[in-house]
Amino acid sequence: MAITSRTIIFSIFFLLVVGVGGILLQIFLSKKEGKWAGLILPIITFCASFIYLLNVANIGELSSVIMTIVSVFLLGNIPTVVLLGIYAVCKERRKKRRDLEKMSVQDLE
């Protein structure tokens, strides 16, 4: 019983560290000057969602299989949507900051 509790606690801690680390890495990459640096993690998670589809078993009816494939694809792309949201927010903030700098330079002239 104690081993199971420790395993669960360790697993939750590990997932939190990986999740927070991934979000912080995405923020760091999105703040980079280049466009492609912030798109690395979303591309990786999008490709991983196709790997999830390979694990869908044929369970009978075609409609059931199609619904399973669609739901696995949508659920597998939740991290992609989150990472793209972070990317969009960081790029928008950089654009606003750049526009303010241009305005301040124009005011000085």
PDB file of N, CA and C in Angstrom:
ATOM      1  N   MET A   1       0.822  -1.196   0.000  1.00  0.00           N
ATOM      2  CA  MET A   1       0.000   0.000   0.000  1.00  0.00           C
ATOM      3  C   MET A   1       0.863   1.256   0.000  1.00  0.00           C
ATOM      4  N   ALA A   2       1.912   1.265   0.837  1.00  0.00           N
ATOM      5  CA  ALA A   2       2.784   2.424   0.918  1.00  0.00           C
ATOM      6  C   ALA A   2       3.563   2.608  -0.376  1.00  0.00           C
ATOM      7  N   ILE A   3       3.938   1.509  -1.036  1.00  0.00           N
ATOM      8  CA  ILE A   3       4.678   1.610  -2.288  1.00  0.00           C
ATOM      9  C   ILE A   3       3.786   2.204  -3.368  1.00  0.00           C
ATOM     10  N   THR A   4       2.544   1.811  -3.406  1.00  0.00           N
ATOM     11  CA  THR A   4       1.610   2.345  -4.388  1.00  0.00           C
ATOM     12  C   THR A   4       1.384   3.833  -4.177  1.00  0.00           C
ATOM     13  N   SER A   5       1.263   4.261  -2.940  1.00  0.00           N
ATOM     14  CA  SER A   5       1.066   5.680  -2.645  1.00  0.00           C
ATOM     15  C   SER A   5       2.276   6.488  -3.080  1.00  0.00           C
ATOM     16  N   ARG A   6       3.467   5.975  -2.794  1.00  0.00           N
ATOM     17  CA  ARG A   6       4.674   6.687  -3.206  1.00  0.00           C
ATOM     18  C   ARG A   6       4.781   6.750  -4.724  1.00  0.00           C
ATOM     19  N   THR A   7       4.405   5.680  -5.391  1.00  0.00           N
ATOM     20  CA  THR A   7       4.461   5.653  -6.847  1.00  0.00           C
ATOM     21  C   THR A   7       3.496   6.670  -7.441  1.00  0.00           C
ATOM     22  N   ILE A   8       2.306   6.762  -6.899  1.00  0.00           N
ATOM     23  CA  ILE A   8       1.327   7.726  -7.390  1.00  0.00           C
ATOM     24  C   ILE A   8       1.798   9.154  -7.147  1.00  0.00           C
ATOM     25  N   ILE A   9       2.322   9.411  -5.964  1.00  0.00           N
ATOM     26  CA  ILE A   9       2.819  10.752  -5.648  1.00  0.00           C
ATOM     27  C   ILE A   9       3.983  11.121  -6.554  1.00  0.00           C
ATOM     28  N   PHE A  10       4.895  10.176  -6.777  1.00  0.00           N
ATOM     29  CA  PHE A  10       6.024  10.430  -7.666  1.00  0.00           C
ATOM     30  C   PHE A  10       5.544  10.684  -9.086  1.00  0.00           C
ATOM     31  N   SER A  11       4.577   9.921  -9.552  1.00  0.00           N
ATOM     32  CA  SER A  11       4.059  10.092 -10.911  1.00  0.00           C
ATOM     33  C   SER A  11       3.407  11.462 -11.087  1.00  0.00           C
ATOM     34  N   ILE A  12       2.617  11.867 -10.115  1.00  0.00           N
ATOM     35  CA  ILE A  12       1.977  13.182 -10.183  1.00  0.00           C
ATOM     36  C   ILE A  12       3.023  14.288 -10.162  1.00  0.00           C
ATOM     37  N   PHE A  13       4.012  14.167  -9.297  1.00  0.00           N
ATOM     38  CA  PHE A  13       5.089  15.157  -9.222  1.00  0.00           C
ATOM     39  C   PHE A  13       5.844  15.227 -10.543  1.00  0.00           C
ATOM     40  N   PHE A  14       6.153  14.064 -11.121  1.00  0.00           N
ATOM     41  CA  PHE A  14       6.877  14.018 -12.388  1.00  0.00           C
ATOM     42  C   PHE A  14       6.071  14.678 -13.498  1.00  0.00           C
ATOM     43  N   LEU A  15       4.777  14.384 -13.577  1.00  0.00           N
ATOM     44  CA  LEU A  15       3.935  14.992 -14.604  1.00  0.00           C
ATOM     45  C   LEU A  15       3.829  16.503 -14.426  1.00  0.00           C
ATOM     46  N   LEU A  16       3.753  16.969 -13.187  1.00  0.00           N
ATOM     47  CA  LEU A  16       3.718  18.414 -12.945  1.00  0.00           C
ATOM     48  C   LEU A  16       5.014  19.086 -13.372  1.00  0.00           C
ATOM     49  N   VAL A  17       6.142  18.464 -13.044  1.00  0.00           N
ATOM     50  CA  VAL A  17       7.438  19.033 -13.418  1.00  0.00           C
ATOM     51  C   VAL A  17       7.576  19.082 -14.942  1.00  0.00           C
ATOM     52  N   VAL A  18       7.202  17.995 -15.612  1.00  0.00           N
ATOM     53  CA  VAL A  18       7.295  17.966 -17.076  1.00  0.00           C
ATOM     54  C   VAL A  18       6.333  18.983 -17.696  1.00  0.00           C
ATOM     55  N   GLY A  19       5.118  19.074 -17.176  1.00  0.00           N
ATOM     56  CA  GLY A  19       4.141  20.025 -17.714  1.00  0.00           C
ATOM     57  C   GLY A  19       4.566  21.467 -17.535  1.00  0.00           C
ATOM     58  N   VAL A  20       4.984  21.812 -16.325  1.00  0.00           N
ATOM     59  CA  VAL A  20       5.424  23.184 -16.058  1.00  0.00           C
ATOM     60  C   VAL A  20       6.701  23.489 -16.830  1.00  0.00           C
ATOM     61  N   GLY A  21       7.598  22.510 -16.893  1.00  0.00           N
ATOM     62  CA  GLY A  21       8.834  22.702 -17.664  1.00  0.00           C
ATOM     63  C   GLY A  21       8.550  22.918 -19.140  1.00  0.00           C
ATOM     64  N   GLY A  22       7.594  22.171 -19.683  1.00  0.00           N
ATOM     65  CA  GLY A  22       7.227  22.350 -21.089  1.00  0.00           C
ATOM     66  C   GLY A  22       6.619  23.716 -21.353  1.00  0.00           C
ATOM     67  N   ILE A  23       5.787  24.176 -20.443  1.00  0.00           N
ATOM     68  CA  ILE A  23       5.179  25.507 -20.601  1.00  0.00           C
ATOM     69  C   ILE A  23       6.240  26.600 -20.511  1.00  0.00           C
ATOM     70  N   LEU A  24       7.156  26.466 -19.548  1.00  0.00           N
ATOM     71  CA  LEU A  24       8.225  27.463 -19.421  1.00  0.00           C
ATOM     72  C   LEU A  24       9.147  27.449 -20.641  1.00  0.00           C
ATOM     73  N   LEU A  25       9.432  26.253 -21.160  1.00  0.00           N
ATOM     74  CA  LEU A  25      10.248  26.149 -22.368  1.00  0.00           C
ATOM     75  C   LEU A  25       9.529  26.790 -23.554  1.00  0.00           C
ATOM     76  N   GLN A  26       8.223  26.589 -23.656  1.00  0.00           N
ATOM     77  CA  GLN A  26       7.460  27.195 -24.746  1.00  0.00           C
ATOM     78  C   GLN A  26       7.471  28.721 -24.639  1.00  0.00           C
ATOM     79  N   ILE A  27       7.335  29.243 -23.441  1.00  0.00           N
ATOM     80  CA  ILE A  27       7.389  30.696 -23.253  1.00  0.00           C
ATOM     81  C   ILE A  27       8.753  31.226 -23.654  1.00  0.00           C
ATOM     82  N   PHE A  28       9.812  30.527 -23.236  1.00  0.00           N
ATOM     83  CA  PHE A  28      11.172  30.938 -23.588  1.00  0.00           C
ATOM     84  C   PHE A  28      11.377  30.925 -25.096  1.00  0.00           C
ATOM     85  N   LEU A  29      10.946  29.846 -25.753  1.00  0.00           N
ATOM     86  CA  LEU A  29      11.138  29.748 -27.203  1.00  0.00           C
ATOM     87  C   LEU A  29      10.266  30.746 -27.956  1.00  0.00           C
ATOM     88  N   SER A  30       9.084  31.041 -27.440  1.00  0.00           N
ATOM     89  CA  SER A  30       8.193  31.986 -28.115  1.00  0.00           C
ATOM     90  C   SER A  30       8.706  33.414 -28.027  1.00  0.00           C
ATOM     91  N   LYS A  31       9.494  33.714 -27.025  1.00  0.00           N
ATOM     92  CA  LYS A  31      10.041  35.063 -26.878  1.00  0.00           C
ATOM     93  C   LYS A  31      11.282  35.286 -27.734  1.00  0.00           C
ATOM     94  N   LYS A  32      11.776  34.237 -28.365  1.00  0.00           N
ATOM     95  CA  LYS A  32      12.938  34.369 -29.233  1.00  0.00           C
ATOM     96  C   LYS A  32      12.591  35.216 -30.449  1.00  0.00           C
ATOM     97  N   GLU A  33      13.608  35.771 -31.061  1.00  0.00           N
ATOM     98  CA  GLU A  33      13.421  36.664 -32.199  1.00  0.00           C
ATOM     99  C   GLU A  33      12.838  35.939 -33.416  1.00  0.00           C
ATOM    100  N   GLY A  34      13.310  34.740 -33.687  1.00  0.00           N
ATOM    101  CA  GLY A  34      12.852  34.011 -34.868  1.00  0.00           C
ATOM    102  C   GLY A  34      11.437  33.481 -34.718  1.00  0.00           C
ATOM    103  N   LYS A  35      10.803  33.250 -35.858  1.00  0.00           N
ATOM    104  CA  LYS A  35       9.423  32.777 -35.870  1.00  0.00           C
ATOM    105  C   LYS A  35       9.343  31.293 -35.550  1.00  0.00           C
ATOM    106  N   TRP A  36      10.312  30.516 -35.998  1.00  0.00           N
ATOM    107  CA  TRP A  36      10.225  29.062 -35.924  1.00  0.00           C
ATOM    108  C   TRP A  36      10.558  28.487 -34.566  1.00  0.00           C
ATOM    109  N   ALA A  37      11.283  29.202 -33.740  1.00  0.00           N
ATOM    110  CA  ALA A  37      11.675  28.663 -32.433  1.00  0.00           C
ATOM    111  C   ALA A  37      10.457  28.357 -31.574  1.00  0.00           C
ATOM    112  N   GLY A  38       9.471  29.212 -31.607  1.00  0.00           N
ATOM    113  CA  GLY A  38       8.266  29.016 -30.806  1.00  0.00           C
ATOM    114  C   GLY A  38       7.315  27.976 -31.358  1.00  0.00           C
ATOM    115  N   LEU A  39       7.569  27.519 -32.581  1.00  0.00           N
ATOM    116  CA  LEU A  39       6.698  26.522 -33.195  1.00  0.00           C
ATOM    117  C   LEU A  39       7.233  25.097 -33.058  1.00  0.00           C
ATOM    118  N   ILE A  40       8.402  24.927 -32.441  1.00  0.00           N
ATOM    119  CA  ILE A  40       9.011  23.600 -32.327  1.00  0.00           C
ATOM    120  C   ILE A  40       8.145  22.661 -31.494  1.00  0.00           C
ATOM    121  N   LEU A  41       7.784  23.070 -30.295  1.00  0.00           N
ATOM    122  CA  LEU A  41       6.993  22.198 -29.418  1.00  0.00           C
ATOM    123  C   LEU A  41       5.587  21.935 -29.955  1.00  0.00           C
ATOM    124  N   PRO A  42       4.876  22.920 -30.515  1.00  0.00           N
ATOM    125  CA  PRO A  42       3.570  22.598 -31.101  1.00  0.00           C
ATOM    126  C   PRO A  42       3.664  21.601 -32.262  1.00  0.00           C
ATOM    127  N   ILE A  43       4.705  21.691 -33.070  1.00  0.00           N
ATOM    128  CA  ILE A  43       4.875  20.742 -34.170  1.00  0.00           C
ATOM    129  C   ILE A  43       5.133  19.343 -33.620  1.00  0.00           C
ATOM    130  N   ILE A  44       5.936  19.248 -32.572  1.00  0.00           N
ATOM    131  CA  ILE A  44       6.218  17.939 -31.967  1.00  0.00           C
ATOM    132  C   ILE A  44       4.945  17.325 -31.396  1.00  0.00           C
ATOM    133  N   THR A  45       4.154  18.114 -30.686  1.00  0.00           N
ATOM    134  CA  THR A  45       2.931  17.560 -30.101  1.00  0.00           C
ATOM    135  C   THR A  45       1.900  17.213 -31.178  1.00  0.00           C
ATOM    136  N   PHE A  46       1.879  17.972 -32.275  1.00  0.00           N
ATOM    137  CA  PHE A  46       0.962  17.645 -33.373  1.00  0.00           C
ATOM    138  C   PHE A  46       1.355  16.320 -34.022  1.00  0.00           C
ATOM    139  N   CYS A  47       2.650  16.114 -34.231  1.00  0.00           N
ATOM    140  CA  CYS A  47       3.108  14.844 -34.798  1.00  0.00           C
ATOM    141  C   CYS A  47       2.847  13.690 -33.832  1.00  0.00           C
ATOM    142  N   ALA A  48       2.973  13.934 -32.548  1.00  0.00           N
ATOM    143  CA  ALA A  48       2.701  12.886 -31.562  1.00  0.00           C
ATOM    144  C   ALA A  48       1.230  12.492 -31.581  1.00  0.00           C
ATOM    145  N   SER A  49       0.350  13.414 -31.929  1.00  0.00           N
ATOM    146  CA  SER A  49      -1.073  13.070 -31.980  1.00  0.00           C
ATOM    147  C   SER A  49      -1.354  12.045 -33.083  1.00  0.00           C
ATOM    148  N   PHE A  50      -0.547  12.038 -34.130  1.00  0.00           N
ATOM    149  CA  PHE A  50      -0.694  11.011 -35.159  1.00  0.00           C
ATOM    150  C   PHE A  50      -0.216   9.653 -34.655  1.00  0.00           C
ATOM    151  N   ILE A  51       0.768   9.662 -33.794  1.00  0.00           N
ATOM    152  CA  ILE A  51       1.238   8.405 -33.200  1.00  0.00           C
ATOM    153  C   ILE A  51       0.153   7.827 -32.301  1.00  0.00           C
ATOM    154  N   TYR A  52      -0.584   8.678 -31.609  1.00  0.00           N
ATOM    155  CA  TYR A  52      -1.695   8.198 -30.784  1.00  0.00           C
ATOM    156  C   TYR A  52      -2.727   7.462 -31.635  1.00  0.00           C
ATOM    157  N   LEU A  53      -2.924   7.930 -32.866  1.00  0.00           N
ATOM    158  CA  LEU A  53      -3.921   7.308 -33.741  1.00  0.00           C
ATOM    159  C   LEU A  53      -3.539   5.877 -34.110  1.00  0.00           C
ATOM    160  N   LEU A  54      -2.254   5.585 -34.094  1.00  0.00           N
ATOM    161  CA  LEU A  54      -1.823   4.224 -34.417  1.00  0.00           C
ATOM    162  C   LEU A  54      -2.237   3.227 -33.342  1.00  0.00           C
ATOM    163  N   ASN A  55      -2.567   3.711 -32.175  1.00  0.00           N
ATOM    164  CA  ASN A  55      -2.966   2.837 -31.073  1.00  0.00           C
ATOM    165  C   ASN A  55      -4.468   2.579 -31.018  1.00  0.00           C
ATOM    166  N   VAL A  56      -5.224   3.122 -31.972  1.00  0.00           N
ATOM    167  CA  VAL A  56      -6.666   2.900 -31.990  1.00  0.00           C
ATOM    168  C   VAL A  56      -6.928   1.515 -32.582  1.00  0.00           C
ATOM    169  N   ALA A  57      -7.685   0.713 -31.864  1.00  0.00           N
ATOM    170  CA  ALA A  57      -7.986  -0.650 -32.311  1.00  0.00           C
ATOM    171  C   ALA A  57      -9.301  -0.674 -33.075  1.00  0.00           C
ATOM    172  N   ASN A  58      -9.403  -1.598 -33.972  1.00  0.00           N
ATOM    173  CA  ASN A  58     -10.642  -1.803 -34.707  1.00  0.00           C
ATOM    174  C   ASN A  58     -11.600  -2.563 -33.788  1.00  0.00           C
ATOM    175  N   ILE A  59     -12.621  -1.864 -33.294  1.00  0.00           N
ATOM    176  CA  ILE A  59     -13.508  -2.470 -32.294  1.00  0.00           C
ATOM    177  C   ILE A  59     -14.856  -2.867 -32.863  1.00  0.00           C
ATOM    178  N   GLY A  60     -14.973  -2.898 -34.165  1.00  0.00           N
ATOM    179  CA  GLY A  60     -16.242  -3.347 -34.727  1.00  0.00           C
ATOM    180  C   GLY A  60     -16.767  -2.433 -35.804  1.00  0.00           C
ATOM    181  N   GLU A  61     -17.817  -1.724 -35.493  1.00  0.00           N
ATOM    182  CA  GLU A  61     -18.505  -0.903 -36.487  1.00  0.00           C
ATOM    183  C   GLU A  61     -17.647   0.260 -36.944  1.00  0.00           C
ATOM    184  N   LEU A  62     -17.830   0.639 -38.193  1.00  0.00           N
ATOM    185  CA  LEU A  62     -17.056   1.724 -38.775  1.00  0.00           C
ATOM    186  C   LEU A  62     -17.327   3.054 -38.077  1.00  0.00           C
ATOM    187  N   SER A  63     -18.575   3.321 -37.751  1.00  0.00           N
ATOM    188  CA  SER A  63     -18.906   4.588 -37.092  1.00  0.00           C
ATOM    189  C   SER A  63     -18.235   4.680 -35.722  1.00  0.00           C
ATOM    190  N   SER A  64     -18.142   3.581 -35.026  1.00  0.00           N
ATOM    191  CA  SER A  64     -17.492   3.562 -33.716  1.00  0.00           C
ATOM    192  C   SER A  64     -16.000   3.827 -33.848  1.00  0.00           C
ATOM    193  N   VAL A  65     -15.401   3.248 -34.860  1.00  0.00           N
ATOM    194  CA  VAL A  65     -13.970   3.452 -35.096  1.00  0.00           C
ATOM    195  C   VAL A  65     -13.696   4.906 -35.484  1.00  0.00           C
ATOM    196  N   ILE A  66     -14.534   5.470 -36.341  1.00  0.00           N
ATOM    197  CA  ILE A  66     -14.350   6.860 -36.762  1.00  0.00           C
ATOM    198  C   ILE A  66     -14.496   7.803 -35.576  1.00  0.00           C
ATOM    199  N   MET A  67     -15.499   7.583 -34.739  1.00  0.00           N
ATOM    200  CA  MET A  67     -15.680   8.434 -33.553  1.00  0.00           C
ATOM    201  C   MET A  67     -14.478   8.314 -32.608  1.00  0.00           C
ATOM    202  N   THR A  68     -13.952   7.108 -32.475  1.00  0.00           N
ATOM    203  CA  THR A  68     -12.782   6.916 -31.620  1.00  0.00           C
ATOM    204  C   THR A  68     -11.571   7.650 -32.186  1.00  0.00           C
ATOM    205  N   ILE A  69     -11.379   7.550 -33.495  1.00  0.00           N
ATOM    206  CA  ILE A  69     -10.245   8.230 -34.127  1.00  0.00           C
ATOM    207  C   ILE A  69     -10.366   9.740 -33.971  1.00  0.00           C
ATOM    208  N   VAL A  70     -11.560  10.279 -34.191  1.00  0.00           N
ATOM    209  CA  VAL A  70     -11.759  11.733 -34.067  1.00  0.00           C
ATOM    210  C   VAL A  70     -11.523  12.184 -32.634  1.00  0.00           C
ATOM    211  N   SER A  71     -12.056  11.441 -31.668  1.00  0.00           N
ATOM    212  CA  SER A  71     -11.880  11.857 -30.270  1.00  0.00           C
ATOM    213  C   SER A  71     -10.427  11.739 -29.827  1.00  0.00           C
ATOM    214  N   VAL A  72      -9.719  10.694 -30.271  1.00  0.00           N
ATOM    215  CA  VAL A  72      -8.301  10.560 -29.920  1.00  0.00           C
ATOM    216  C   VAL A  72      -7.498  11.692 -30.543  1.00  0.00           C
ATOM    217  N   PHE A  73      -7.813  12.037 -31.781  1.00  0.00           N
ATOM    218  CA  PHE A  73      -7.097  13.121 -32.447  1.00  0.00           C
ATOM    219  C   PHE A  73      -7.348  14.461 -31.749  1.00  0.00           C
ATOM    220  N   LEU A  74      -8.598  14.727 -31.398  1.00  0.00           N
ATOM    221  CA  LEU A  74      -8.914  15.994 -30.721  1.00  0.00           C
ATOM    222  C   LEU A  74      -8.282  16.066 -29.331  1.00  0.00           C
ATOM    223  N   LEU A  75      -8.396  14.994 -28.575  1.00  0.00           N
ATOM    224  CA  LEU A  75      -7.797  14.994 -27.235  1.00  0.00           C
ATOM    225  C   LEU A  75      -6.274  15.024 -27.302  1.00  0.00           C
ATOM    226  N   GLY A  76      -5.703  14.390 -28.319  1.00  0.00           N
ATOM    227  CA  GLY A  76      -4.250  14.398 -28.466  1.00  0.00           C
ATOM    228  C   GLY A  76      -3.698  15.750 -28.862  1.00  0.00           C
ATOM    229  N   ASN A  77      -4.549  16.612 -29.405  1.00  0.00           N
ATOM    230  CA  ASN A  77      -4.096  17.936 -29.824  1.00  0.00           C
ATOM    231  C   ASN A  77      -4.387  19.038 -28.815  1.00  0.00           C
ATOM    232  N   ILE A  78      -4.868  18.692 -27.644  1.00  0.00           N
ATOM    233  CA  ILE A  78      -5.054  19.707 -26.598  1.00  0.00           C
ATOM    234  C   ILE A  78      -3.725  20.380 -26.246  1.00  0.00           C
ATOM    235  N   PRO A  79      -2.630  19.616 -26.054  1.00  0.00           N
ATOM    236  CA  PRO A  79      -1.359  20.303 -25.785  1.00  0.00           C
ATOM    237  C   PRO A  79      -0.912  21.193 -26.945  1.00  0.00           C
ATOM    238  N   THR A  80      -1.209  20.795 -28.168  1.00  0.00           N
ATOM    239  CA  THR A  80      -0.845  21.613 -29.326  1.00  0.00           C
ATOM    240  C   THR A  80      -1.571  22.953 -29.279  1.00  0.00           C
ATOM    241  N   VAL A  81      -2.845  22.928 -28.958  1.00  0.00           N
ATOM    242  CA  VAL A  81      -3.635  24.162 -28.889  1.00  0.00           C
ATOM    243  C   VAL A  81      -3.123  25.061 -27.759  1.00  0.00           C
ATOM    244  N   VAL A  82      -2.801  24.464 -26.617  1.00  0.00           N
ATOM    245  CA  VAL A  82      -2.277  25.251 -25.487  1.00  0.00           C
ATOM    246  C   VAL A  82      -0.949  25.895 -25.860  1.00  0.00           C
ATOM    247  N   LEU A  83      -0.060  25.129 -26.471  1.00  0.00           N
ATOM    248  CA  LEU A  83       1.250  25.667 -26.844  1.00  0.00           C
ATOM    249  C   LEU A  83       1.129  26.739 -27.924  1.00  0.00           C
ATOM    250  N   LEU A  84       0.213  26.559 -28.872  1.00  0.00           N
ATOM    251  CA  LEU A  84      -0.003  27.600 -29.882  1.00  0.00           C
ATOM    252  C   LEU A  84      -0.612  28.859 -29.267  1.00  0.00           C
ATOM    253  N   GLY A  85      -1.443  28.684 -28.239  1.00  0.00           N
ATOM    254  CA  GLY A  85      -1.979  29.849 -27.527  1.00  0.00           C
ATOM    255  C   GLY A  85      -0.883  30.631 -26.832  1.00  0.00           C
ATOM    256  N   ILE A  86       0.021  29.932 -26.183  1.00  0.00           N
ATOM    257  CA  ILE A  86       1.159  30.586 -25.535  1.00  0.00           C
ATOM    258  C   ILE A  86       2.003  31.315 -26.572  1.00  0.00           C
ATOM    259  N   TYR A  87       2.229  30.665 -27.703  1.00  0.00           N
ATOM    260  CA  TYR A  87       3.008  31.270 -28.787  1.00  0.00           C
ATOM    261  C   TYR A  87       2.353  32.560 -29.277  1.00  0.00           C
ATOM    262  N   ALA A  88       1.033  32.512 -29.473  1.00  0.00           N
ATOM    263  CA  ALA A  88       0.308  33.678 -29.980  1.00  0.00           C
ATOM    264  C   ALA A  88       0.351  34.836 -28.976  1.00  0.00           C
ATOM    265  N   VAL A  89       0.189  34.527 -27.701  1.00  0.00           N
ATOM    266  CA  VAL A  89       0.216  35.584 -26.673  1.00  0.00           C
ATOM    267  C   VAL A  89       1.594  36.225 -26.607  1.00  0.00           C
ATOM    268  N   CYS A  90       2.638  35.420 -26.623  1.00  0.00           N
ATOM    269  CA  CYS A  90       4.001  35.965 -26.545  1.00  0.00           C
ATOM    270  C   CYS A  90       4.337  36.810 -27.765  1.00  0.00           C
ATOM    271  N   LYS A  91       3.930  36.353 -28.945  1.00  0.00           N
ATOM    272  CA  LYS A  91       4.208  37.124 -30.161  1.00  0.00           C
ATOM    273  C   LYS A  91       3.417  38.435 -30.177  1.00  0.00           C
ATOM    274  N   GLU A  92       2.198  38.406 -29.678  1.00  0.00           N
ATOM    275  CA  GLU A  92       1.396  39.634 -29.635  1.00  0.00           C
ATOM    276  C   GLU A  92       2.016  40.649 -28.676  1.00  0.00           C
ATOM    277  N   ARG A  93       2.492  40.169 -27.533  1.00  0.00           N
ATOM    278  CA  ARG A  93       3.150  41.076 -26.584  1.00  0.00           C
ATOM    279  C   ARG A  93       4.414  41.676 -27.186  1.00  0.00           C
ATOM    280  N   ARG A  94       5.181  40.861 -27.919  1.00  0.00           N
ATOM    281  CA  ARG A  94       6.393  41.382 -28.561  1.00  0.00           C
ATOM    282  C   ARG A  94       6.038  42.421 -29.611  1.00  0.00           C
ATOM    283  N   LYS A  95       4.970  42.179 -30.350  1.00  0.00           N
ATOM    284  CA  LYS A  95       4.554  43.125 -31.379  1.00  0.00           C
ATOM    285  C   LYS A  95       4.125  44.456 -30.755  1.00  0.00           C
ATOM    286  N   LYS A  96       3.372  44.383 -29.660  1.00  0.00           N
ATOM    287  CA  LYS A  96       2.952  45.613 -28.976  1.00  0.00           C
ATOM    288  C   LYS A  96       4.155  46.377 -28.446  1.00  0.00           C
ATOM    289  N   ARG A  97       5.113  45.647 -27.864  1.00  0.00           N
ATOM    290  CA  ARG A  97       6.314  46.296 -27.324  1.00  0.00           C
ATOM    291  C   ARG A  97       7.116  46.950 -28.444  1.00  0.00           C
ATOM    292  N   ARG A  98       7.215  46.274 -29.586  1.00  0.00           N
ATOM    293  CA  ARG A  98       7.953  46.819 -30.728  1.00  0.00           C
ATOM    294  C   ARG A  98       7.260  48.068 -31.263  1.00  0.00           C
ATOM    295  N   ASP A  99       5.921  48.035 -31.314  1.00  0.00           N
ATOM    296  CA  ASP A  99       5.174  49.209 -31.775  1.00  0.00           C
ATOM    297  C   ASP A  99       5.345  50.381 -30.813  1.00  0.00           C
ATOM    298  N   LEU A 100       5.352  50.116 -29.510  1.00  0.00           N
ATOM    299  CA  LEU A 100       5.580  51.198 -28.533  1.00  0.00           C
ATOM    300  C   LEU A 100       6.974  51.784 -28.674  1.00  0.00           C
ATOM    301  N   GLU A 101       7.955  50.936 -28.950  1.00  0.00           N
ATOM    302  CA  GLU A 101       9.312  51.441 -29.147  1.00  0.00           C
ATOM    303  C   GLU A 101       9.382  52.324 -30.388  1.00  0.00           C
ATOM    304  N   LYS A 102       8.683  51.926 -31.464  1.00  0.00           N
ATOM    305  CA  LYS A 102       8.658  52.745 -32.672  1.00  0.00           C
ATOM    306  C   LYS A 102       8.004  54.094 -32.400  1.00  0.00           C
ATOM    307  N   MET A 103       6.923  54.079 -31.619  1.00  0.00           N
ATOM    308  CA  MET A 103       6.231  55.325 -31.302  1.00  0.00           C
ATOM    309  C   MET A 103       7.124  56.234 -30.457  1.00  0.00           C
ATOM    310  N   SER A 104       7.835  55.663 -29.514  1.00  0.00           N
ATOM    311  CA  SER A 104       8.699  56.484 -28.673  1.00  0.00           C
ATOM    312  C   SER A 104       9.860  57.051 -29.471  1.00  0.00           C
ATOM    313  N   VAL A 105      10.376  56.326 -30.441  1.00  0.00           N
ATOM    314  CA  VAL A 105      11.442  56.833 -31.290  1.00  0.00           C
ATOM    315  C   VAL A 105      10.917  57.954 -32.167  1.00  0.00           C
ATOM    316  N   GLN A 106       9.700  57.810 -32.671  1.00  0.00           N
ATOM    317  CA  GLN A 106       9.109  58.854 -33.498  1.00  0.00           C
ATOM    318  C   GLN A 106       8.834  60.104 -32.676  1.00  0.00           C
ATOM    319  N   ASP A 107       8.456  59.952 -31.403  1.00  0.00           N
ATOM    320  CA  ASP A 107       8.223  61.111 -30.546  1.00  0.00           C
ATOM    321  C   ASP A 107       9.511  61.869 -30.259  1.00  0.00           C
ATOM    322  N   LEU A 108      10.622  61.164 -30.209  1.00  0.00           N
ATOM    323  CA  LEU A 108      11.902  61.797 -29.925  1.00  0.00           C
ATOM    324  C   LEU A 108      12.417  62.578 -31.114  1.00  0.00           C
ATOM    325  N   GLU A 109      12.001  62.215 -32.312  1.00  0.00           N
ATOM    326  CA  GLU A 109      12.502  62.894 -33.504  1.00  0.00           C
ATOM    327  C   GLU A 109      11.887  64.228 -33.726  1.00  0.00           C
TER     328      GLU A 109
END
